[in-house]
PDB file of all heavy atoms in Angstrom:
ATOM      1  N   ASN A   1       1.187 -23.706   1.111  1.00  0.00           N
ATOM      2  CA  ASN A   1       1.761 -22.371   0.962  1.00  0.00           C
ATOM      3  C   ASN A   1       0.722 -21.389   0.433  1.00  0.00           C
ATOM      4  O   ASN A   1      -0.139 -21.747  -0.375  1.00  0.00           O
ATOM      5  CB  ASN A   1       2.935 -22.391  -0.017  1.00  0.00           C
ATOM      6  CG  ASN A   1       4.198 -22.977   0.583  1.00  0.00           C
ATOM      7  OD1 ASN A   1       4.740 -23.950   0.076  1.00  0.00           O
ATOM      8  ND2 ASN A   1       4.673 -22.399   1.659  1.00  0.00           N
ATOM      9  N   SER A   2       0.814 -20.164   0.891  1.00  0.00           N
ATOM     10  CA  SER A   2       0.000 -19.063   0.362  1.00  0.00           C
ATOM     11  C   SER A   2       0.937 -17.952  -0.080  1.00  0.00           C
ATOM     12  O   SER A   2       1.976 -17.705   0.561  1.00  0.00           O
ATOM     13  CB  SER A   2      -0.960 -18.526   1.426  1.00  0.00           C
ATOM     14  OG  SER A   2      -2.048 -19.393   1.613  1.00  0.00           O
ATOM     15  N   ALA A   3       0.574 -17.285  -1.161  1.00  0.00           N
ATOM     16  CA  ALA A   3       1.467 -16.261  -1.710  1.00  0.00           C
ATOM     17  C   ALA A   3       0.674 -15.186  -2.442  1.00  0.00           C
ATOM     18  O   ALA A   3      -0.495 -15.380  -2.797  1.00  0.00           O
ATOM     19  CB  ALA A   3       2.481 -16.902  -2.662  1.00  0.00           C
ATOM     20  N   LEU A   4       1.345 -14.069  -2.662  1.00  0.00           N
ATOM     21  CA  LEU A   4       0.820 -12.983  -3.489  1.00  0.00           C
ATOM     22  C   LEU A   4       1.840 -12.708  -4.574  1.00  0.00           C
ATOM     23  O   LEU A   4       3.023 -12.468  -4.286  1.00  0.00           O
ATOM     24  CB  LEU A   4       0.593 -11.725  -2.643  1.00  0.00           C
ATOM     25  CG  LEU A   4       0.114 -10.480  -3.394  1.00  0.00           C
ATOM     26  CD1 LEU A   4      -1.316 -10.678  -3.901  1.00  0.00           C
ATOM     27  CD2 LEU A   4       0.183  -9.239  -2.500  1.00  0.00           C
ATOM     28  N   LEU A   5       1.412 -12.761  -5.835  1.00  0.00           N
ATOM     29  CA  LEU A   5       2.289 -12.472  -6.964  1.00  0.00           C
ATOM     30  C   LEU A   5       2.175 -10.995  -7.315  1.00  0.00           C
ATOM     31  O   LEU A   5       1.080 -10.492  -7.566  1.00  0.00           O
ATOM     32  CB  LEU A   5       1.906 -13.323  -8.173  1.00  0.00           C
ATOM     33  CG  LEU A   5       1.822 -14.843  -7.957  1.00  0.00           C
ATOM     34  CD1 LEU A   5       1.461 -15.541  -9.270  1.00  0.00           C
ATOM     35  CD2 LEU A   5       3.107 -15.387  -7.400  1.00  0.00           C
ATOM     36  N   VAL A   6       3.316 -10.313  -7.318  1.00  0.00           N
ATOM     37  CA  VAL A   6       3.334  -8.871  -7.562  1.00  0.00           C
ATOM     38  C   VAL A   6       4.312  -8.560  -8.687  1.00  0.00           C
ATOM     39  O   VAL A   6       5.455  -9.028  -8.675  1.00  0.00           O
ATOM     40  CB  VAL A   6       3.744  -8.089  -6.287  1.00  0.00           C
ATOM     41  CG1 VAL A   6       3.516  -6.588  -6.487  1.00  0.00           C
ATOM     42  CG2 VAL A   6       2.964  -8.577  -5.077  1.00  0.00           C
ATOM     43  N   THR A   7       3.868  -7.771  -9.659  1.00  0.00           N
ATOM     44  CA  THR A   7       4.751  -7.412 -10.779  1.00  0.00           C
ATOM     45  C   THR A   7       5.625  -6.216 -10.409  1.00  0.00           C
ATOM     46  O   THR A   7       5.339  -5.484  -9.454  1.00  0.00           O
ATOM     47  CB  THR A   7       3.929  -7.062 -12.027  1.00  0.00           C
ATOM     48  OG1 THR A   7       3.184  -5.852 -11.757  1.00  0.00           O
ATOM     49  CG2 THR A   7       2.964  -8.182 -12.388  1.00  0.00           C
ATOM     50  N   LYS A   8       6.684  -6.018 -11.185  1.00  0.00           N
ATOM     51  CA  LYS A   8       7.571  -4.869 -10.961  1.00  0.00           C
ATOM     52  C   LYS A   8       6.799  -3.558 -11.123  1.00  0.00           C
ATOM     53  O   LYS A   8       6.991  -2.607 -10.359  1.00  0.00           O
ATOM     54  CB  LYS A   8       8.747  -4.908 -11.932  1.00  0.00           C
ATOM     55  CG  LYS A   8       9.764  -3.793 -11.696  1.00  0.00           C
ATOM     56  CD  LYS A   8      10.905  -3.869 -12.680  1.00  0.00           C
ATOM     57  CE  LYS A   8      11.951  -2.813 -12.359  1.00  0.00           C
ATOM     58  NZ  LYS A   8      11.421  -1.430 -12.342  1.00  0.00           N
ATOM     59  N   LYS A   9       5.911  -3.522 -12.100  1.00  0.00           N
ATOM     60  CA  LYS A   9       5.105  -2.321 -12.327  1.00  0.00           C
ATOM     61  C   LYS A   9       4.262  -1.989 -11.101  1.00  0.00           C
ATOM     62  O   LYS A   9       4.151  -0.824 -10.691  1.00  0.00           O
ATOM     63  CB  LYS A   9       4.217  -2.534 -13.555  1.00  0.00           C
ATOM     64  CG  LYS A   9       3.379  -1.326 -13.955  1.00  0.00           C
ATOM     65  CD  LYS A   9       2.577  -1.648 -15.218  1.00  0.00           C
ATOM     66  CE  LYS A   9       1.702  -0.456 -15.626  1.00  0.00           C
ATOM     67  NZ  LYS A   9       0.884  -0.783 -16.833  1.00  0.00           N
ATOM     68  N   GLN A  10       3.675  -3.009 -10.488  1.00  0.00           N
ATOM     69  CA  GLN A  10       2.851  -2.793  -9.291  1.00  0.00           C
ATOM     70  C   GLN A  10       3.706  -2.357  -8.107  1.00  0.00           C
ATOM     71  O   GLN A  10       3.307  -1.491  -7.323  1.00  0.00           O
ATOM     72  CB  GLN A  10       2.075  -4.070  -8.962  1.00  0.00           C
ATOM     73  CG  GLN A  10       0.955  -4.363  -9.949  1.00  0.00           C
ATOM     74  CD  GLN A  10       0.397  -5.770  -9.830  1.00  0.00           C
ATOM     75  OE1 GLN A  10       1.096  -6.697  -9.409  1.00  0.00           O
ATOM     76  NE2 GLN A  10      -0.864  -5.951 -10.198  1.00  0.00           N
ATOM     77  N   LEU A  11       4.893  -2.922  -7.985  1.00  0.00           N
ATOM     78  CA  LEU A  11       5.795  -2.519  -6.894  1.00  0.00           C
ATOM     79  C   LEU A  11       6.239  -1.074  -7.063  1.00  0.00           C
ATOM     80  O   LEU A  11       6.359  -0.328  -6.079  1.00  0.00           O
ATOM     81  CB  LEU A  11       7.007  -3.451  -6.849  1.00  0.00           C
ATOM     82  CG  LEU A  11       6.741  -4.865  -6.328  1.00  0.00           C
ATOM     83  CD1 LEU A  11       7.958  -5.752  -6.570  1.00  0.00           C
ATOM     84  CD2 LEU A  11       6.395  -4.830  -4.846  1.00  0.00           C
ATOM     85  N   ASP A  12       6.484  -0.662  -8.302  1.00  0.00           N
ATOM     86  CA  ASP A  12       6.864   0.731  -8.568  1.00  0.00           C
ATOM     87  C   ASP A  12       5.730   1.680  -8.181  1.00  0.00           C
ATOM     88  O   ASP A  12       5.964   2.761  -7.613  1.00  0.00           O
ATOM     89  CB  ASP A  12       7.220   0.916 -10.043  1.00  0.00           C
ATOM     90  CG  ASP A  12       8.531   0.230 -10.414  1.00  0.00           C
ATOM     91  OD1 ASP A  12       9.310  -0.101  -9.495  1.00  0.00           O
ATOM     92  OD2 ASP A  12       8.759   0.009 -11.624  1.00  0.00           O
ATOM     93  N   LYS A  13       4.496   1.296  -8.482  1.00  0.00           N
ATOM     94  CA  LYS A  13       3.340   2.118  -8.097  1.00  0.00           C
ATOM     95  C   LYS A  13       3.259   2.258  -6.574  1.00  0.00           C
ATOM     96  O   LYS A  13       2.996   3.338  -6.049  1.00  0.00           O
ATOM     97  CB  LYS A  13       2.048   1.502  -8.626  1.00  0.00           C
ATOM     98  CG  LYS A  13       1.818   1.671 -10.110  1.00  0.00           C
ATOM     99  CD  LYS A  13       0.472   1.041 -10.509  1.00  0.00           C
ATOM    100  CE  LYS A  13       0.213   1.151 -11.982  1.00  0.00           C
ATOM    101  NZ  LYS A  13      -1.083   0.518 -12.375  1.00  0.00           N
ATOM    102  N   LEU A  14       3.461   1.162  -5.880  1.00  0.00           N
ATOM    103  CA  LEU A  14       3.408   1.181  -4.418  1.00  0.00           C
ATOM    104  C   LEU A  14       4.451   2.140  -3.853  1.00  0.00           C
ATOM    105  O   LEU A  14       4.174   2.905  -2.926  1.00  0.00           O
ATOM    106  CB  LEU A  14       3.649  -0.230  -3.861  1.00  0.00           C
ATOM    107  CG  LEU A  14       2.482  -1.198  -3.939  1.00  0.00           C
ATOM    108  CD1 LEU A  14       2.949  -2.628  -3.653  1.00  0.00           C
ATOM    109  CD2 LEU A  14       1.393  -0.803  -2.938  1.00  0.00           C
ATOM    110  N   GLU A  15       5.633   2.091  -4.422  1.00  0.00           N
ATOM    111  CA  GLU A  15       6.710   2.964  -3.937  1.00  0.00           C
ATOM    112  C   GLU A  15       6.352   4.431  -4.150  1.00  0.00           C
ATOM    113  O   GLU A  15       6.558   5.268  -3.267  1.00  0.00           O
ATOM    114  CB  GLU A  15       8.015   2.617  -4.652  1.00  0.00           C
ATOM    115  CG  GLU A  15       9.218   3.359  -4.101  1.00  0.00           C
ATOM    116  CD  GLU A  15      10.527   2.907  -4.735  1.00  0.00           C
ATOM    117  OE1 GLU A  15      10.517   1.939  -5.518  1.00  0.00           O
ATOM    118  OE2 GLU A  15      11.556   3.542  -4.451  1.00  0.00           O
ATOM    119  N   ARG A  16       5.798   4.738  -5.312  1.00  0.00           N
ATOM    120  CA  ARG A  16       5.408   6.123  -5.585  1.00  0.00           C
ATOM    121  C   ARG A  16       4.304   6.592  -4.638  1.00  0.00           C
ATOM    122  O   ARG A  16       4.215   7.764  -4.302  1.00  0.00           O
ATOM    123  CB  ARG A  16       4.960   6.275  -7.044  1.00  0.00           C
ATOM    124  CG  ARG A  16       6.087   6.182  -8.053  1.00  0.00           C
ATOM    125  CD  ARG A  16       5.664   6.710  -9.421  1.00  0.00           C
ATOM    126  NE  ARG A  16       4.580   5.934 -10.014  1.00  0.00           N
ATOM    127  CZ  ARG A  16       4.760   4.866 -10.784  1.00  0.00           C
ATOM    128  NH1 ARG A  16       5.987   4.423 -11.026  1.00  0.00           N
ATOM    129  NH2 ARG A  16       3.732   4.233 -11.295  1.00  0.00           N
ATOM    130  N   MET A  17       3.448   5.668  -4.219  1.00  0.00           N
ATOM    131  CA  MET A  17       2.348   6.018  -3.318  1.00  0.00           C
ATOM    132  C   MET A  17       2.739   5.929  -1.840  1.00  0.00           C
ATOM    133  O   MET A  17       1.898   6.072  -0.966  1.00  0.00           O
ATOM    134  CB  MET A  17       1.144   5.107  -3.588  1.00  0.00           C
ATOM    135  CG  MET A  17       0.419   5.452  -4.866  1.00  0.00           C
ATOM    136  SD  MET A  17      -1.123   4.499  -5.065  1.00  0.00           S
ATOM    137  CE  MET A  17      -0.517   2.969  -5.717  1.00  0.00           C
ATOM    138  N   GLN A  18       4.033   5.664  -1.581  1.00  0.00           N
ATOM    139  CA  GLN A  18       4.540   5.549  -0.209  1.00  0.00           C
ATOM    140  C   GLN A  18       3.830   4.439   0.557  1.00  0.00           C
ATOM    141  O   GLN A  18       3.514   4.577   1.740  1.00  0.00           O
ATOM    142  CB  GLN A  18       4.404   6.888   0.537  1.00  0.00           C
ATOM    143  CG  GLN A  18       5.161   8.040  -0.110  1.00  0.00           C
ATOM    144  CD  GLN A  18       4.979   9.334   0.652  1.00  0.00           C
ATOM    145  OE1 GLN A  18       5.067   9.365   1.878  1.00  0.00           O
ATOM    146  NE2 GLN A  18       4.734  10.424  -0.075  1.00  0.00           N
ATOM    147  N   LEU A  19       3.574   3.332  -0.134  1.00  0.00           N
ATOM    148  CA  LEU A  19       2.913   2.187   0.479  1.00  0.00           C
ATOM    149  C   LEU A  19       3.822   0.969   0.440  1.00  0.00           C
ATOM    150  O   LEU A  19       4.636   0.809  -0.474  1.00  0.00           O
ATOM    151  CB  LEU A  19       1.621   1.843  -0.272  1.00  0.00           C
ATOM    152  CG  LEU A  19       0.373   2.660   0.054  1.00  0.00           C
ATOM    153  CD1 LEU A  19      -0.741   2.297  -0.915  1.00  0.00           C
ATOM    154  CD2 LEU A  19      -0.080   2.423   1.487  1.00  0.00           C
ATOM    155  N   ASP A  20       3.668   0.142   1.448  1.00  0.00           N
ATOM    156  CA  ASP A  20       4.288  -1.181   1.460  1.00  0.00           C
ATOM    157  C   ASP A  20       3.244  -2.183   0.976  1.00  0.00           C
ATOM    158  O   ASP A  20       2.048  -2.003   1.211  1.00  0.00           O
ATOM    159  CB  ASP A  20       4.740  -1.521   2.891  1.00  0.00           C
ATOM    160  CG  ASP A  20       5.503  -2.830   2.951  1.00  0.00           C
ATOM    161  OD1 ASP A  20       4.840  -3.880   3.021  1.00  0.00           O
ATOM    162  OD2 ASP A  20       6.737  -2.804   2.929  1.00  0.00           O
ATOM    163  N   VAL A  21       3.678  -3.268   0.331  1.00  0.00           N
ATOM    164  CA  VAL A  21       2.720  -4.250  -0.172  1.00  0.00           C
ATOM    165  C   VAL A  21       1.873  -4.828   0.952  1.00  0.00           C
ATOM    166  O   VAL A  21       0.686  -5.148   0.758  1.00  0.00           O
ATOM    167  CB  VAL A  21       3.451  -5.369  -0.961  1.00  0.00           C
ATOM    168  CG1 VAL A  21       4.320  -6.210  -0.056  1.00  0.00           C
ATOM    169  CG2 VAL A  21       2.437  -6.235  -1.715  1.00  0.00           C
ATOM    170  N   TRP A  22       2.418  -4.925   2.160  1.00  0.00           N
ATOM    171  CA  TRP A  22       1.655  -5.471   3.280  1.00  0.00           C
ATOM    172  C   TRP A  22       0.505  -4.553   3.686  1.00  0.00           C
ATOM    173  O   TRP A  22      -0.484  -5.009   4.277  1.00  0.00           O
ATOM    174  CB  TRP A  22       2.566  -5.729   4.479  1.00  0.00           C
ATOM    175  CG  TRP A  22       3.602  -6.787   4.208  1.00  0.00           C
ATOM    176  CD1 TRP A  22       4.947  -6.596   4.044  1.00  0.00           C
ATOM    177  CD2 TRP A  22       3.387  -8.196   4.036  1.00  0.00           C
ATOM    178  NE1 TRP A  22       5.583  -7.788   3.789  1.00  0.00           N
ATOM    179  CE2 TRP A  22       4.645  -8.789   3.780  1.00  0.00           C
ATOM    180  CE3 TRP A  22       2.250  -9.006   4.075  1.00  0.00           C
ATOM    181  CZ2 TRP A  22       4.795 -10.157   3.573  1.00  0.00           C
ATOM    182  CZ3 TRP A  22       2.400 -10.370   3.859  1.00  0.00           C
ATOM    183  CH2 TRP A  22       3.656 -10.932   3.613  1.00  0.00           C
ATOM    184  N   ASP A  23       0.611  -3.260   3.368  1.00  0.00           N
ATOM    185  CA  ASP A  23      -0.494  -2.328   3.672  1.00  0.00           C
ATOM    186  C   ASP A  23      -1.780  -2.742   2.957  1.00  0.00           C
ATOM    187  O   ASP A  23      -2.887  -2.511   3.449  1.00  0.00           O
ATOM    188  CB  ASP A  23      -0.131  -0.899   3.249  1.00  0.00           C
ATOM    189  CG  ASP A  23       1.005  -0.299   4.079  1.00  0.00           C
ATOM    190  OD1 ASP A  23       1.177  -0.732   5.237  1.00  0.00           O
ATOM    191  OD2 ASP A  23       1.715   0.585   3.566  1.00  0.00           O
ATOM    192  N   LEU A  24      -1.630  -3.355   1.787  1.00  0.00           N
ATOM    193  CA  LEU A  24      -2.793  -3.695   0.970  1.00  0.00           C
ATOM    194  C   LEU A  24      -3.608  -4.849   1.551  1.00  0.00           C
ATOM    195  O   LEU A  24      -4.724  -5.109   1.099  1.00  0.00           O
ATOM    196  CB  LEU A  24      -2.361  -4.040  -0.451  1.00  0.00           C
ATOM    197  CG  LEU A  24      -1.606  -2.952  -1.215  1.00  0.00           C
ATOM    198  CD1 LEU A  24      -1.318  -3.410  -2.635  1.00  0.00           C
ATOM    199  CD2 LEU A  24      -2.392  -1.642  -1.247  1.00  0.00           C
ATOM    200  N   PHE A  25      -3.058  -5.550   2.538  1.00  0.00           N
ATOM    201  CA  PHE A  25      -3.791  -6.642   3.170  1.00  0.00           C
ATOM    202  C   PHE A  25      -4.903  -6.126   4.081  1.00  0.00           C
ATOM    203  O   PHE A  25      -5.767  -6.884   4.502  1.00  0.00           O
ATOM    204  CB  PHE A  25      -2.837  -7.522   3.986  1.00  0.00           C
ATOM    205  CG  PHE A  25      -2.008  -8.457   3.145  1.00  0.00           C
ATOM    206  CD1 PHE A  25      -0.955  -7.979   2.367  1.00  0.00           C
ATOM    207  CD2 PHE A  25      -2.278  -9.814   3.118  1.00  0.00           C
ATOM    208  CE1 PHE A  25      -0.183  -8.830   1.593  1.00  0.00           C
ATOM    209  CE2 PHE A  25      -1.523 -10.677   2.343  1.00  0.00           C
ATOM    210  CZ  PHE A  25      -0.476 -10.185   1.579  1.00  0.00           C
ATOM    211  N   GLU A  26      -4.877  -4.825   4.397  1.00  0.00           N
ATOM    212  CA  GLU A  26      -5.874  -4.255   5.297  1.00  0.00           C
ATOM    213  C   GLU A  26      -7.188  -3.990   4.562  1.00  0.00           C
ATOM    214  O   GLU A  26      -7.240  -3.915   3.332  1.00  0.00           O
ATOM    215  CB  GLU A  26      -5.350  -2.952   5.908  1.00  0.00           C
ATOM    216  CG  GLU A  26      -4.132  -3.160   6.813  1.00  0.00           C
ATOM    217  CD  GLU A  26      -3.679  -1.858   7.451  1.00  0.00           C
ATOM    218  OE1 GLU A  26      -4.024  -0.777   6.920  1.00  0.00           O
ATOM    219  OE2 GLU A  26      -2.968  -1.914   8.471  1.00  0.00           O
ATOM    220  N   GLN A  27      -8.258  -3.800   5.338  1.00  0.00           N
ATOM    221  CA  GLN A  27      -9.536  -3.409   4.753  1.00  0.00           C
ATOM    222  C   GLN A  27      -9.418  -2.012   4.166  1.00  0.00           C
ATOM    223  O   GLN A  27      -8.557  -1.209   4.559  1.00  0.00           O
ATOM    224  CB  GLN A  27     -10.630  -3.453   5.824  1.00  0.00           C
ATOM    225  CG  GLN A  27     -10.920  -4.872   6.315  1.00  0.00           C
ATOM    226  CD  GLN A  27     -11.817  -4.877   7.523  1.00  0.00           C
ATOM    227  OE1 GLN A  27     -11.519  -4.245   8.544  1.00  0.00           O
ATOM    228  NE2 GLN A  27     -12.934  -5.594   7.439  1.00  0.00           N
ATOM    229  N   ASP A  28     -10.305  -1.676   3.226  1.00  0.00           N
ATOM    230  CA  ASP A  28     -10.176  -0.416   2.484  1.00  0.00           C
ATOM    231  C   ASP A  28     -10.101   0.794   3.397  1.00  0.00           C
ATOM    232  O   ASP A  28      -9.240   1.673   3.209  1.00  0.00           O
ATOM    233  CB  ASP A  28     -11.363  -0.258   1.518  1.00  0.00           C
ATOM    234  CG  ASP A  28     -11.274  -1.207   0.329  1.00  0.00           C
ATOM    235  OD1 ASP A  28     -10.292  -1.968   0.254  1.00  0.00           O
ATOM    236  OD2 ASP A  28     -12.195  -1.179  -0.505  1.00  0.00           O
ATOM    237  N   HIS A  29     -10.994   0.875   4.389  1.00  0.00           N
ATOM    238  CA  HIS A  29     -11.022   2.079   5.225  1.00  0.00           C
ATOM    239  C   HIS A  29      -9.754   2.207   6.067  1.00  0.00           C
ATOM    240  O   HIS A  29      -9.266   3.320   6.304  1.00  0.00           O
ATOM    241  CB  HIS A  29     -12.268   2.088   6.116  1.00  0.00           C
ATOM    242  CG  HIS A  29     -12.270   1.090   7.221  1.00  0.00           C
ATOM    243  ND1 HIS A  29     -12.616  -0.228   7.029  1.00  0.00           N
ATOM    244  CD2 HIS A  29     -11.947   1.208   8.548  1.00  0.00           C
ATOM    245  CE1 HIS A  29     -12.525  -0.879   8.185  1.00  0.00           C
ATOM    246  NE2 HIS A  29     -12.118  -0.049   9.104  1.00  0.00           N
ATOM    247  N   LYS A  30      -9.181   1.080   6.471  1.00  0.00           N
ATOM    248  CA  LYS A  30      -7.929   1.139   7.232  1.00  0.00           C
ATOM    249  C   LYS A  30      -6.766   1.524   6.326  1.00  0.00           C
ATOM    250  O   LYS A  30      -5.870   2.269   6.731  1.00  0.00           O
ATOM    251  CB  LYS A  30      -7.656  -0.210   7.903  1.00  0.00           C
ATOM    252  CG  LYS A  30      -8.619  -0.535   9.035  1.00  0.00           C
ATOM    253  CD  LYS A  30      -8.254  -1.846   9.711  1.00  0.00           C
ATOM    254  CE  LYS A  30      -9.204  -2.134  10.873  1.00  0.00           C
ATOM    255  NZ  LYS A  30      -8.888  -3.423  11.539  1.00  0.00           N
ATOM    256  N   LEU A  31      -6.800   1.018   5.096  1.00  0.00           N
ATOM    257  CA  LEU A  31      -5.747   1.371   4.144  1.00  0.00           C
ATOM    258  C   LEU A  31      -5.757   2.867   3.848  1.00  0.00           C
ATOM    259  O   LEU A  31      -4.711   3.534   3.879  1.00  0.00           O
ATOM    260  CB  LEU A  31      -5.936   0.573   2.856  1.00  0.00           C
ATOM    261  CG  LEU A  31      -5.053   0.972   1.664  1.00  0.00           C
ATOM    262  CD1 LEU A  31      -3.585   0.772   1.997  1.00  0.00           C
ATOM    263  CD2 LEU A  31      -5.441   0.171   0.418  1.00  0.00           C
ATOM    264  N   THR A  32      -6.949   3.422   3.546  1.00  0.00           N
ATOM    265  CA  THR A  32      -7.009   4.849   3.212  1.00  0.00           C
ATOM    266  C   THR A  32      -6.661   5.726   4.418  1.00  0.00           C
ATOM    267  O   THR A  32      -6.040   6.779   4.258  1.00  0.00           O
ATOM    268  CB  THR A  32      -8.402   5.215   2.670  1.00  0.00           C
ATOM    269  OG1 THR A  32      -9.414   4.824   3.617  1.00  0.00           O
ATOM    270  CG2 THR A  32      -8.658   4.532   1.337  1.00  0.00           C
ATOM    271  N   THR A  33      -7.031   5.291   5.606  1.00  0.00           N
ATOM    272  CA  THR A  33      -6.674   6.049   6.806  1.00  0.00           C
ATOM    273  C   THR A  33      -5.163   6.042   7.017  1.00  0.00           C
ATOM    274  O   THR A  33      -4.548   7.080   7.278  1.00  0.00           O
ATOM    275  CB  THR A  33      -7.382   5.459   8.041  1.00  0.00           C
ATOM    276  OG1 THR A  33      -8.791   5.600   7.881  1.00  0.00           O
ATOM    277  CG2 THR A  33      -6.940   6.169   9.323  1.00  0.00           C
ATOM    278  N   ARG A  34      -4.560   4.864   6.898  1.00  0.00           N
ATOM    279  CA  ARG A  34      -3.099   4.765   7.060  1.00  0.00           C
ATOM    280  C   ARG A  34      -2.375   5.654   6.046  1.00  0.00           C
ATOM    281  O   ARG A  34      -1.444   6.378   6.381  1.00  0.00           O
ATOM    282  CB  ARG A  34      -2.659   3.314   6.891  1.00  0.00           C
ATOM    283  CG  ARG A  34      -1.143   3.120   7.000  1.00  0.00           C
ATOM    284  CD  ARG A  34      -0.743   1.727   6.509  1.00  0.00           C
ATOM    285  NE  ARG A  34      -1.178   0.704   7.427  1.00  0.00           N
ATOM    286  CZ  ARG A  34      -0.428   0.259   8.437  1.00  0.00           C
ATOM    287  NH1 ARG A  34       0.775   0.763   8.635  1.00  0.00           N
ATOM    288  NH2 ARG A  34      -0.887  -0.685   9.226  1.00  0.00           N
ATOM    289  N   LEU A  35      -2.833   5.578   4.778  1.00  0.00           N
ATOM    290  CA  LEU A  35      -2.180   6.340   3.720  1.00  0.00           C
ATOM    291  C   LEU A  35      -2.376   7.840   3.928  1.00  0.00           C
ATOM    292  O   LEU A  35      -1.454   8.639   3.702  1.00  0.00           O
ATOM    293  CB  LEU A  35      -2.736   5.902   2.364  1.00  0.00           C
ATOM    294  CG  LEU A  35      -2.044   6.463   1.116  1.00  0.00           C
ATOM    295  CD1 LEU A  35      -0.544   6.194   1.156  1.00  0.00           C
ATOM    296  CD2 LEU A  35      -2.661   5.859  -0.141  1.00  0.00           C
ATOM    297  N   THR A  36      -3.569   8.241   4.367  1.00  0.00           N
ATOM    298  CA  THR A  36      -3.825   9.670   4.623  1.00  0.00           C
ATOM    299  C   THR A  36      -2.908  10.193   5.718  1.00  0.00           C
ATOM    300  O   THR A  36      -2.326  11.281   5.603  1.00  0.00           O
ATOM    301  CB  THR A  36      -5.299   9.886   5.022  1.00  0.00           C
ATOM    302  OG1 THR A  36      -6.141   9.400   3.966  1.00  0.00           O
ATOM    303  CG2 THR A  36      -5.589  11.362   5.264  1.00  0.00           C
ATOM    304  N   HIS A  37      -2.763   9.446   6.797  1.00  0.00           N
ATOM    305  CA  HIS A  37      -1.843   9.846   7.868  1.00  0.00           C
ATOM    306  C   HIS A  37      -0.414   9.949   7.351  1.00  0.00           C
ATOM    307  O   HIS A  37       0.332  10.858   7.739  1.00  0.00           O
ATOM    308  CB  HIS A  37      -1.895   8.823   9.013  1.00  0.00           C
ATOM    309  CG  HIS A  37      -3.052   9.009   9.943  1.00  0.00           C
ATOM    310  ND1 HIS A  37      -3.080   9.983  10.922  1.00  0.00           N
ATOM    311  CD2 HIS A  37      -4.228   8.349  10.051  1.00  0.00           C
ATOM    312  CE1 HIS A  37      -4.214   9.912  11.590  1.00  0.00           C
ATOM    313  NE2 HIS A  37      -4.938   8.928  11.081  1.00  0.00           N
ATOM    314  N   LYS A  38      -0.053   9.026   6.454  1.00  0.00           N
ATOM    315  CA  LYS A  38       1.337   8.963   6.004  1.00  0.00           C
ATOM    316  C   LYS A  38       1.695  10.133   5.083  1.00  0.00           C
ATOM    317  O   LYS A  38       2.784  10.711   5.181  1.00  0.00           O
ATOM    318  CB  LYS A  38       1.585   7.637   5.290  1.00  0.00           C
ATOM    319  CG  LYS A  38       3.023   7.417   4.879  1.00  0.00           C
ATOM    320  CD  LYS A  38       3.210   6.064   4.192  1.00  0.00           C
ATOM    321  CE  LYS A  38       3.159   4.922   5.162  1.00  0.00           C
ATOM    322  NZ  LYS A  38       3.547   3.631   4.539  1.00  0.00           N
ATOM    323  N   ILE A  39       0.778  10.510   4.189  1.00  0.00           N
ATOM    324  CA  ILE A  39       1.145  11.491   3.165  1.00  0.00           C
ATOM    325  C   ILE A  39       0.576  12.883   3.423  1.00  0.00           C
ATOM    326  O   ILE A  39       0.908  13.827   2.714  1.00  0.00           O
ATOM    327  CB  ILE A  39       0.706  11.015   1.767  1.00  0.00           C
ATOM    328  CG1 ILE A  39      -0.828  10.942   1.674  1.00  0.00           C
ATOM    329  CG2 ILE A  39       1.330   9.687   1.424  1.00  0.00           C
ATOM    330  CD1 ILE A  39      -1.330  10.579   0.283  1.00  0.00           C
ATOM    331  N   SER A  40      -0.275  13.012   4.435  1.00  0.00           N
ATOM    332  CA  SER A  40      -0.861  14.325   4.722  1.00  0.00           C
ATOM    333  C   SER A  40       0.216  15.303   5.185  1.00  0.00           C
ATOM    334  O   SER A  40       1.109  14.954   5.955  1.00  0.00           O
ATOM    335  CB  SER A  40      -1.939  14.193   5.800  1.00  0.00           C
ATOM    336  OG  SER A  40      -2.479  15.464   6.084  1.00  0.00           O
ATOM    337  N   GLY A  41       0.095  16.521   4.737  1.00  0.00           N
ATOM    338  CA  GLY A  41       1.061  17.549   5.144  1.00  0.00           C
ATOM    339  C   GLY A  41       0.795  18.117   6.519  1.00  0.00           C
ATOM    340  O   GLY A  41       1.586  18.930   7.022  1.00  0.00           O
ATOM    341  N   ILE A  42      -0.315  17.754   7.139  1.00  0.00           N
ATOM    342  CA  ILE A  42      -0.630  18.273   8.469  1.00  0.00           C
ATOM    343  C   ILE A  42      -0.831  17.109   9.431  1.00  0.00           C
ATOM    344  O   ILE A  42      -1.092  15.984   9.040  1.00  0.00           O
ATOM    345  CB  ILE A  42      -1.901  19.149   8.447  1.00  0.00           C
ATOM    346  CG1 ILE A  42      -3.097  18.323   7.946  1.00  0.00           C
ATOM    347  CG2 ILE A  42      -1.706  20.381   7.595  1.00  0.00           C
ATOM    348  CD1 ILE A  42      -4.408  19.060   8.012  1.00  0.00           C
TER     349      ILE A  42
END
């Protein structure tokens, strides 16, 4: 089995940042690109 342990505090941060925990599995540049597209006003 493989797993990721996530605390409630970390899950709350993810929610505030409009991220899903699975987003964090991506490489940094893909993560920041995805997040920029998601939260950008344009």
